[in-house]
Amino acid sequence: MGFRTHAQFVARTVLVKNNNVDEGMRVINRIMSKEGLFERYRLTRFYEKPYQTRRRINYEKAKAIYNEDMNRKIQFVMRKNRHDPWVGCA
């Protein structure tokens, strides 16, 4: 099994072309943010008191509910096959 096809290294290896380290760092940062490493680091950097944990989790739940509701409303508004509520007015 080759180095590039090994499961552990597929999404974590960045090939730097023409010594362009900045582009490689951008790619690594994007991979790490998608995997949630920055979020995990931010949460475990300092001790989080239990009341702060409860507040953060409740905030995240409320935000997820709000975002889901807004996405549903946006998708409804953007549908093409809705009937026109004001026929003849344009």
PDB file of N, CA and C in Angstrom:
ATOM      1  N   MET A   1       0.855  -1.174   0.000  1.00  0.00           N
ATOM      2  CA  MET A   1       0.000   0.000   0.000  1.00  0.00           C
ATOM      3  C   MET A   1       0.895   1.230   0.000  1.00  0.00           C
ATOM      4  N   GLY A   2       0.648   2.143  -0.914  1.00  0.00           N
ATOM      5  CA  GLY A   2       1.473   3.329  -1.047  1.00  0.00           C
ATOM      6  C   GLY A   2       1.194   4.368   0.016  1.00  0.00           C
ATOM      7  N   PHE A   3       2.093   5.305   0.106  1.00  0.00           N
ATOM      8  CA  PHE A   3       1.982   6.379   1.098  1.00  0.00           C
ATOM      9  C   PHE A   3       0.746   7.231   0.865  1.00  0.00           C
ATOM     10  N   ARG A   4       0.436   7.524  -0.386  1.00  0.00           N
ATOM     11  CA  ARG A   4      -0.684   8.418  -0.693  1.00  0.00           C
ATOM     12  C   ARG A   4      -2.032   7.756  -0.485  1.00  0.00           C
ATOM     13  N   THR A   5      -2.099   6.436  -0.574  1.00  0.00           N
ATOM     14  CA  THR A   5      -3.387   5.762  -0.438  1.00  0.00           C
ATOM     15  C   THR A   5      -3.629   5.250   0.969  1.00  0.00           C
ATOM     16  N   HIS A   6      -2.673   5.416   1.871  1.00  0.00           N
ATOM     17  CA  HIS A   6      -2.862   4.964   3.244  1.00  0.00           C
ATOM     18  C   HIS A   6      -3.917   5.849   3.906  1.00  0.00           C
ATOM     19  N   ALA A   7      -4.901   5.239   4.560  1.00  0.00           N
ATOM     20  CA  ALA A   7      -6.059   5.971   5.081  1.00  0.00           C
ATOM     21  C   ALA A   7      -5.666   7.044   6.080  1.00  0.00           C
ATOM     22  N   GLN A   8      -4.629   6.795   6.864  1.00  0.00           N
ATOM     23  CA  GLN A   8      -4.256   7.760   7.883  1.00  0.00           C
ATOM     24  C   GLN A   8      -3.713   9.048   7.284  1.00  0.00           C
ATOM     25  N   PHE A   9      -3.108   8.983   6.088  1.00  0.00           N
ATOM     26  CA  PHE A   9      -2.440  10.143   5.538  1.00  0.00           C
ATOM     27  C   PHE A   9      -3.186  10.794   4.377  1.00  0.00           C
ATOM     28  N   VAL A  10      -4.317  10.256   3.968  1.00  0.00           N
ATOM     29  CA  VAL A  10      -4.993  10.773   2.784  1.00  0.00           C
ATOM     30  C   VAL A  10      -5.410  12.227   2.981  1.00  0.00           C
ATOM     31  N   ALA A  11      -6.040  12.552   4.101  1.00  0.00           N
ATOM     32  CA  ALA A  11      -6.557  13.901   4.293  1.00  0.00           C
ATOM     33  C   ALA A  11      -5.612  14.776   5.113  1.00  0.00           C
ATOM     34  N   ARG A  12      -4.464  14.242   5.525  1.00  0.00           N
ATOM     35  CA  ARG A  12      -3.603  14.998   6.418  1.00  0.00           C
ATOM     36  C   ARG A  12      -2.231  15.307   5.824  1.00  0.00           C
ATOM     37  N   THR A  13      -1.983  14.909   4.619  1.00  0.00           N
ATOM     38  CA  THR A  13      -0.699  15.158   3.990  1.00  0.00           C
ATOM     39  C   THR A  13      -0.871  16.236   2.926  1.00  0.00           C
ATOM     40  N   VAL A  14      -0.013  17.230   2.994  1.00  0.00           N
ATOM     41  CA  VAL A  14      -0.080  18.328   2.044  1.00  0.00           C
ATOM     42  C   VAL A  14       1.242  18.368   1.288  1.00  0.00           C
ATOM     43  N   LEU A  15       1.138  18.305  -0.010  1.00  0.00           N
ATOM     44  CA  LEU A  15       2.327  18.415  -0.842  1.00  0.00           C
ATOM     45  C   LEU A  15       2.549  19.883  -1.188  1.00  0.00           C
ATOM     46  N   VAL A  16       3.745  20.380  -0.895  1.00  0.00           N
ATOM     47  CA  VAL A  16       4.085  21.774  -1.157  1.00  0.00           C
ATOM     48  C   VAL A  16       4.757  21.850  -2.519  1.00  0.00           C
ATOM     49  N   LYS A  17       4.197  22.666  -3.398  1.00  0.00           N
ATOM     50  CA  LYS A  17       4.741  22.820  -4.744  1.00  0.00           C
ATOM     51  C   LYS A  17       5.521  24.124  -4.844  1.00  0.00           C
ATOM     52  N   ASN A  18       6.692  24.073  -5.455  1.00  0.00           N
ATOM     53  CA  ASN A  18       7.526  25.254  -5.706  1.00  0.00           C
ATOM     54  C   ASN A  18       7.836  26.033  -4.429  1.00  0.00           C
ATOM     55  N   ASN A  19       8.034  25.325  -3.327  1.00  0.00           N
ATOM     56  CA  ASN A  19       8.345  25.945  -2.030  1.00  0.00           C
ATOM     57  C   ASN A  19       7.312  26.979  -1.605  1.00  0.00           C
ATOM     58  N   ASN A  20       6.061  26.776  -1.976  1.00  0.00           N
ATOM     59  CA  ASN A  20       4.984  27.692  -1.614  1.00  0.00           C
ATOM     60  C   ASN A  20       4.388  27.229  -0.279  1.00  0.00           C
ATOM     61  N   VAL A  21       5.078  27.584   0.799  1.00  0.00           N
ATOM     62  CA  VAL A  21       4.689  27.124   2.129  1.00  0.00           C
ATOM     63  C   VAL A  21       3.387  27.785   2.577  1.00  0.00           C
ATOM     64  N   ASP A  22       3.154  29.033   2.187  1.00  0.00           N
ATOM     65  CA  ASP A  22       1.936  29.732   2.600  1.00  0.00           C
ATOM     66  C   ASP A  22       0.695  29.009   2.097  1.00  0.00           C
ATOM     67  N   GLU A  23       0.722  28.562   0.864  1.00  0.00           N
ATOM     68  CA  GLU A  23      -0.427  27.831   0.315  1.00  0.00           C
ATOM     69  C   GLU A  23      -0.620  26.507   1.056  1.00  0.00           C
ATOM     70  N   GLY A  24       0.491  25.847   1.373  1.00  0.00           N
ATOM     71  CA  GLY A  24       0.404  24.601   2.134  1.00  0.00           C
ATOM     72  C   GLY A  24      -0.182  24.817   3.516  1.00  0.00           C
ATOM     73  N   MET A  25       0.195  25.910   4.171  1.00  0.00           N
ATOM     74  CA  MET A  25      -0.356  26.218   5.492  1.00  0.00           C
ATOM     75  C   MET A  25      -1.844  26.522   5.406  1.00  0.00           C
ATOM     76  N   ARG A  26      -2.275  27.188   4.338  1.00  0.00           N
ATOM     77  CA  ARG A  26      -3.710  27.448   4.165  1.00  0.00           C
ATOM     78  C   ARG A  26      -4.479  26.141   4.041  1.00  0.00           C
ATOM     79  N   VAL A  27      -3.921  25.208   3.275  1.00  0.00           N
ATOM     80  CA  VAL A  27      -4.584  23.913   3.090  1.00  0.00           C
ATOM     81  C   VAL A  27      -4.648  23.154   4.411  1.00  0.00           C
ATOM     82  N   ILE A  28      -3.536  23.153   5.157  1.00  0.00           N
ATOM     83  CA  ILE A  28      -3.519  22.459   6.449  1.00  0.00           C
ATOM     84  C   ILE A  28      -4.521  23.083   7.406  1.00  0.00           C
ATOM     85  N   ASN A  29      -4.578  24.412   7.457  1.00  0.00           N
ATOM     86  CA  ASN A  29      -5.530  25.081   8.348  1.00  0.00           C
ATOM     87  C   ASN A  29      -6.963  24.753   7.966  1.00  0.00           C
ATOM     88  N   ARG A  30      -7.249  24.669   6.664  1.00  0.00           N
ATOM     89  CA  ARG A  30      -8.600  24.319   6.230  1.00  0.00           C
ATOM     90  C   ARG A  30      -8.948  22.886   6.653  1.00  0.00           C
ATOM     91  N   ILE A  31      -8.016  21.961   6.491  1.00  0.00           N
ATOM     92  CA  ILE A  31      -8.249  20.567   6.884  1.00  0.00           C
ATOM     93  C   ILE A  31      -8.484  20.479   8.389  1.00  0.00           C
ATOM     94  N   MET A  32      -7.648  21.172   9.153  1.00  0.00           N
ATOM     95  CA  MET A  32      -7.776  21.106  10.613  1.00  0.00           C
ATOM     96  C   MET A  32      -9.072  21.743  11.092  1.00  0.00           C
ATOM     97  N   SER A  33      -9.510  22.807  10.446  1.00  0.00           N
ATOM     98  CA  SER A  33     -10.757  23.435  10.875  1.00  0.00           C
ATOM     99  C   SER A  33     -11.954  22.559  10.520  1.00  0.00           C
ATOM    100  N   LYS A  34     -11.901  21.871   9.378  1.00  0.00           N
ATOM    101  CA  LYS A  34     -12.999  20.971   9.020  1.00  0.00           C
ATOM    102  C   LYS A  34     -13.101  19.798   9.983  1.00  0.00           C
ATOM    103  N   GLU A  35     -11.962  19.333  10.478  1.00  0.00           N
ATOM    104  CA  GLU A  35     -11.962  18.211  11.408  1.00  0.00           C
ATOM    105  C   GLU A  35     -12.269  18.649  12.828  1.00  0.00           C
ATOM    106  N   GLY A  36     -12.352  19.943  13.078  1.00  0.00           N
ATOM    107  CA  GLY A  36     -12.725  20.444  14.391  1.00  0.00           C
ATOM    108  C   GLY A  36     -11.575  20.518  15.380  1.00  0.00           C
ATOM    109  N   LEU A  37     -10.345  20.491  14.899  1.00  0.00           N
ATOM    110  CA  LEU A  37      -9.207  20.530  15.815  1.00  0.00           C
ATOM    111  C   LEU A  37      -9.081  21.886  16.507  1.00  0.00           C
ATOM    112  N   PHE A  38      -9.340  22.967  15.791  1.00  0.00           N
ATOM    113  CA  PHE A  38      -9.244  24.287  16.398  1.00  0.00           C
ATOM    114  C   PHE A  38     -10.303  24.458  17.482  1.00  0.00           C
ATOM    115  N   GLU A  39     -11.503  23.974  17.204  1.00  0.00           N
ATOM    116  CA  GLU A  39     -12.582  24.074  18.189  1.00  0.00           C
ATOM    117  C   GLU A  39     -12.245  23.257  19.435  1.00  0.00           C
ATOM    118  N   ARG A  40     -11.730  22.040  19.233  1.00  0.00           N
ATOM    119  CA  ARG A  40     -11.358  21.190  20.360  1.00  0.00           C
ATOM    120  C   ARG A  40     -10.234  21.840  21.166  1.00  0.00           C
ATOM    121  N   TYR A  41      -9.265  22.440  20.476  1.00  0.00           N
ATOM    122  CA  TYR A  41      -8.174  23.119  21.166  1.00  0.00           C
ATOM    123  C   TYR A  41      -8.697  24.307  21.963  1.00  0.00           C
ATOM    124  N   ARG A  42      -9.596  25.081  21.364  1.00  0.00           N
ATOM    125  CA  ARG A  42     -10.138  26.256  22.051  1.00  0.00           C
ATOM    126  C   ARG A  42     -10.904  25.850  23.310  1.00  0.00           C
ATOM    127  N   LEU A  43     -11.643  24.723  23.226  1.00  0.00           N
ATOM    128  CA  LEU A  43     -12.446  24.304  24.368  1.00  0.00           C
ATOM    129  C   LEU A  43     -11.595  23.673  25.473  1.00  0.00           C
ATOM    130  N   THR A  44     -10.487  23.055  25.133  1.00  0.00           N
ATOM    131  CA  THR A  44      -9.686  22.377  26.154  1.00  0.00           C
ATOM    132  C   THR A  44      -8.470  23.183  26.579  1.00  0.00           C
ATOM    133  N   ARG A  45      -8.337  24.391  26.079  1.00  0.00           N
ATOM    134  CA  ARG A  45      -7.181  25.210  26.428  1.00  0.00           C
ATOM    135  C   ARG A  45      -7.236  25.636  27.890  1.00  0.00           C
ATOM    136  N   PHE A  46      -8.402  26.023  28.363  1.00  0.00           N
ATOM    137  CA  PHE A  46      -8.607  26.406  29.751  1.00  0.00           C
ATOM    138  C   PHE A  46      -9.726  25.556  30.332  1.00  0.00           C
ATOM    139  N   TYR A  47      -9.765  25.473  31.652  1.00  0.00           N
ATOM    140  CA  TYR A  47     -10.830  24.743  32.313  1.00  0.00           C
ATOM    141  C   TYR A  47     -12.140  25.499  32.135  1.00  0.00           C
ATOM    142  N   GLU A  48     -13.163  24.766  31.798  1.00  0.00           N
ATOM    143  CA  GLU A  48     -14.489  25.363  31.629  1.00  0.00           C
ATOM    144  C   GLU A  48     -15.361  24.901  32.781  1.00  0.00           C
ATOM    145  N   LYS A  49     -15.849  25.854  33.553  1.00  0.00           N
ATOM    146  CA  LYS A  49     -16.674  25.508  34.699  1.00  0.00           C
ATOM    147  C   LYS A  49     -17.972  24.869  34.224  1.00  0.00           C
ATOM    148  N   PRO A  50     -18.588  24.037  35.065  1.00  0.00           N
ATOM    149  CA  PRO A  50     -19.808  23.337  34.636  1.00  0.00           C
ATOM    150  C   PRO A  50     -20.936  24.271  34.197  1.00  0.00           C
ATOM    151  N   TYR A  51     -21.105  25.419  34.869  1.00  0.00           N
ATOM    152  CA  TYR A  51     -22.174  26.320  34.445  1.00  0.00           C
ATOM    153  C   TYR A  51     -21.865  26.923  33.080  1.00  0.00           C
ATOM    154  N   GLN A  52     -20.568  27.141  32.792  1.00  0.00           N
ATOM    155  CA  GLN A  52     -20.198  27.656  31.478  1.00  0.00           C
ATOM    156  C   GLN A  52     -20.440  26.608  30.400  1.00  0.00           C
ATOM    157  N   THR A  53     -20.180  25.347  30.734  1.00  0.00           N
ATOM    158  CA  THR A  53     -20.443  24.260  29.791  1.00  0.00           C
ATOM    159  C   THR A  53     -21.926  24.182  29.479  1.00  0.00           C
ATOM    160  N   ARG A  54     -22.765  24.262  30.515  1.00  0.00           N
ATOM    161  CA  ARG A  54     -24.219  24.226  30.297  1.00  0.00           C
ATOM    162  C   ARG A  54     -24.675  25.392  29.446  1.00  0.00           C
ATOM    163  N   ARG A  55     -24.169  26.591  29.721  1.00  0.00           N
ATOM    164  CA  ARG A  55     -24.559  27.764  28.937  1.00  0.00           C
ATOM    165  C   ARG A  55     -24.140  27.619  27.482  1.00  0.00           C
ATOM    166  N   ARG A  56     -22.910  27.121  27.260  1.00  0.00           N
ATOM    167  CA  ARG A  56     -22.417  26.967  25.897  1.00  0.00           C
ATOM    168  C   ARG A  56     -23.236  25.930  25.134  1.00  0.00           C
ATOM    169  N   ILE A  57     -23.535  24.814  25.775  1.00  0.00           N
ATOM    170  CA  ILE A  57     -24.303  23.763  25.103  1.00  0.00           C
ATOM    171  C   ILE A  57     -25.716  24.239  24.804  1.00  0.00           C
ATOM    172  N   ASN A  58     -26.343  24.932  25.760  1.00  0.00           N
ATOM    173  CA  ASN A  58     -27.687  25.453  25.517  1.00  0.00           C
ATOM    174  C   ASN A  58     -27.685  26.491  24.401  1.00  0.00           C
ATOM    175  N   TYR A  59     -26.665  27.327  24.356  1.00  0.00           N
ATOM    176  CA  TYR A  59     -26.552  28.315  23.282  1.00  0.00           C
ATOM    177  C   TYR A  59     -26.392  27.623  21.937  1.00  0.00           C
ATOM    178  N   GLU A  60     -25.544  26.587  21.884  1.00  0.00           N
ATOM    179  CA  GLU A  60     -25.336  25.864  20.631  1.00  0.00           C
ATOM    180  C   GLU A  60     -26.619  25.178  20.168  1.00  0.00           C
ATOM    181  N   LYS A  61     -27.384  24.631  21.113  1.00  0.00           N
ATOM    182  CA  LYS A  61     -28.656  23.999  20.745  1.00  0.00           C
ATOM    183  C   LYS A  61     -29.634  25.022  20.187  1.00  0.00           C
ATOM    184  N   ALA A  62     -29.744  26.174  20.867  1.00  0.00           N
ATOM    185  CA  ALA A  62     -30.665  27.211  20.406  1.00  0.00           C
ATOM    186  C   ALA A  62     -30.241  27.744  19.043  1.00  0.00           C
ATOM    187  N   LYS A  63     -28.947  27.911  18.847  1.00  0.00           N
ATOM    188  CA  LYS A  63     -28.442  28.400  17.566  1.00  0.00           C
ATOM    189  C   LYS A  63     -28.724  27.398  16.455  1.00  0.00           C
ATOM    190  N   ALA A  64     -28.564  26.105  16.743  1.00  0.00           N
ATOM    191  CA  ALA A  64     -28.844  25.073  15.738  1.00  0.00           C
ATOM    192  C   ALA A  64     -30.318  25.062  15.369  1.00  0.00           C
ATOM    193  N   ILE A  65     -31.198  25.204  16.352  1.00  0.00           N
ATOM    194  CA  ILE A  65     -32.637  25.240  16.087  1.00  0.00           C
ATOM    195  C   ILE A  65     -32.983  26.459  15.235  1.00  0.00           C
ATOM    196  N   TYR A  66     -32.421  27.612  15.593  1.00  0.00           N
ATOM    197  CA  TYR A  66     -32.678  28.839  14.839  1.00  0.00           C
ATOM    198  C   TYR A  66     -32.190  28.702  13.400  1.00  0.00           C
ATOM    199  N   ASN A  67     -30.964  28.186  13.219  1.00  0.00           N
ATOM    200  CA  ASN A  67     -30.415  28.045  11.873  1.00  0.00           C
ATOM    201  C   ASN A  67     -31.234  27.062  11.042  1.00  0.00           C
ATOM    202  N   GLU A  68     -31.679  25.979  11.659  1.00  0.00           N
ATOM    203  CA  GLU A  68     -32.500  25.011  10.934  1.00  0.00           C
ATOM    204  C   GLU A  68     -33.821  25.644  10.492  1.00  0.00           C
ATOM    205  N   ASP A  69     -34.434  26.415  11.384  1.00  0.00           N
ATOM    206  CA  ASP A  69     -35.694  27.073  11.069  1.00  0.00           C
ATOM    207  C   ASP A  69     -35.507  28.106   9.955  1.00  0.00           C
ATOM    208  N   MET A  70     -34.445  28.899  10.041  1.00  0.00           N
ATOM    209  CA  MET A  70     -34.204  29.906   9.016  1.00  0.00           C
ATOM    210  C   MET A  70     -33.895  29.267   7.667  1.00  0.00           C
ATOM    211  N   ASN A  71     -33.116  28.185   7.666  1.00  0.00           N
ATOM    212  CA  ASN A  71     -32.827  27.493   6.413  1.00  0.00           C
ATOM    213  C   ASN A  71     -34.094  26.932   5.789  1.00  0.00           C
ATOM    214  N   ARG A  72     -34.990  26.406   6.627  1.00  0.00           N
ATOM    215  CA  ARG A  72     -36.262  25.892   6.122  1.00  0.00           C
ATOM    216  C   ARG A  72     -37.092  27.019   5.517  1.00  0.00           C
ATOM    217  N   LYS A  73     -37.137  28.167   6.176  1.00  0.00           N
ATOM    218  CA  LYS A  73     -37.887  29.297   5.649  1.00  0.00           C
ATOM    219  C   LYS A  73     -37.285  29.821   4.347  1.00  0.00           C
ATOM    220  N   ILE A  74     -35.956  29.879   4.292  1.00  0.00           N
ATOM    221  CA  ILE A  74     -35.294  30.352   3.074  1.00  0.00           C
ATOM    222  C   ILE A  74     -35.569  29.401   1.921  1.00  0.00           C
ATOM    223  N   GLN A  75     -35.485  28.100   2.187  1.00  0.00           N
ATOM    224  CA  GLN A  75     -35.764  27.122   1.136  1.00  0.00           C
ATOM    225  C   GLN A  75     -37.209  27.241   0.660  1.00  0.00           C
ATOM    226  N   PHE A  76     -38.145  27.532   1.573  1.00  0.00           N
ATOM    227  CA  PHE A  76     -39.537  27.696   1.189  1.00  0.00           C
ATOM    228  C   PHE A  76     -39.715  28.908   0.282  1.00  0.00           C
ATOM    229  N   VAL A  77     -39.065  30.012   0.635  1.00  0.00           N
ATOM    230  CA  VAL A  77     -39.191  31.232  -0.154  1.00  0.00           C
ATOM    231  C   VAL A  77     -38.561  31.059  -1.535  1.00  0.00           C
ATOM    232  N   MET A  78     -37.492  30.277  -1.622  1.00  0.00           N
ATOM    233  CA  MET A  78     -36.769  30.134  -2.881  1.00  0.00           C
ATOM    234  C   MET A  78     -37.370  29.079  -3.807  1.00  0.00           C
ATOM    235  N   ARG A  79     -38.415  28.383  -3.350  1.00  0.00           N
ATOM    236  CA  ARG A  79     -39.024  27.375  -4.219  1.00  0.00           C
ATOM    237  C   ARG A  79     -39.633  28.028  -5.440  1.00  0.00           C
ATOM    238  N   LYS A  80     -39.578  27.348  -6.558  1.00  0.00           N
ATOM    239  CA  LYS A  80     -40.093  27.893  -7.814  1.00  0.00           C
ATOM    240  C   LYS A  80     -41.560  27.528  -8.045  1.00  0.00           C
ATOM    241  N   ASN A  81     -42.021  26.435  -7.449  1.00  0.00           N
ATOM    242  CA  ASN A  81     -43.357  25.940  -7.769  1.00  0.00           C
ATOM    243  C   ASN A  81     -44.431  26.432  -6.799  1.00  0.00           C
ATOM    244  N   ARG A  82     -44.184  27.547  -6.099  1.00  0.00           N
ATOM    245  CA  ARG A  82     -45.212  28.081  -5.212  1.00  0.00           C
ATOM    246  C   ARG A  82     -46.310  28.750  -6.032  1.00  0.00           C
ATOM    247  N   HIS A  83     -47.533  28.697  -5.547  1.00  0.00           N
ATOM    248  CA  HIS A  83     -48.602  29.414  -6.241  1.00  0.00           C
ATOM    249  C   HIS A  83     -48.519  30.890  -5.875  1.00  0.00           C
ATOM    250  N   ASP A  84     -48.883  31.740  -6.811  1.00  0.00           N
ATOM    251  CA  ASP A  84     -48.802  33.173  -6.606  1.00  0.00           C
ATOM    252  C   ASP A  84     -49.960  33.625  -5.721  1.00  0.00           C
ATOM    253  N   PRO A  85     -49.711  34.196  -4.539  1.00  0.00           N
ATOM    254  CA  PRO A  85     -50.811  34.602  -3.668  1.00  0.00           C
ATOM    255  C   PRO A  85     -51.576  35.819  -4.198  1.00  0.00           C
ATOM    256  N   TRP A  86     -50.960  36.629  -5.029  1.00  0.00           N
ATOM    257  CA  TRP A  86     -51.596  37.825  -5.561  1.00  0.00           C
ATOM    258  C   TRP A  86     -51.661  37.717  -7.081  1.00  0.00           C
ATOM    259  N   VAL A  87     -52.592  36.931  -7.551  1.00  0.00           N
ATOM    260  CA  VAL A  87     -52.711  36.702  -8.997  1.00  0.00           C
ATOM    261  C   VAL A  87     -53.159  38.001  -9.663  1.00  0.00           C
ATOM    262  N   GLY A  88     -52.500  38.367 -10.728  1.00  0.00           N
ATOM    263  CA  GLY A  88     -52.859  39.553 -11.482  1.00  0.00           C
ATOM    264  C   GLY A  88     -52.194  40.827 -11.005  1.00  0.00           C
ATOM    265  N   CYS A  89     -51.525  40.805  -9.856  1.00  0.00           N
ATOM    266  CA  CYS A  89     -50.844  41.995  -9.358  1.00  0.00           C
ATOM    267  C   CYS A  89     -49.358  41.829  -9.630  1.00  0.00           C
ATOM    268  N   ALA A  90     -48.810  42.703 -10.437  1.00  0.00           N
ATOM    269  CA  ALA A  90     -47.380  42.605 -10.689  1.00  0.00           C
ATOM    270  C   ALA A  90     -46.785  43.951 -10.984  1.00  0.00           C
TER     271      ALA A  90
END
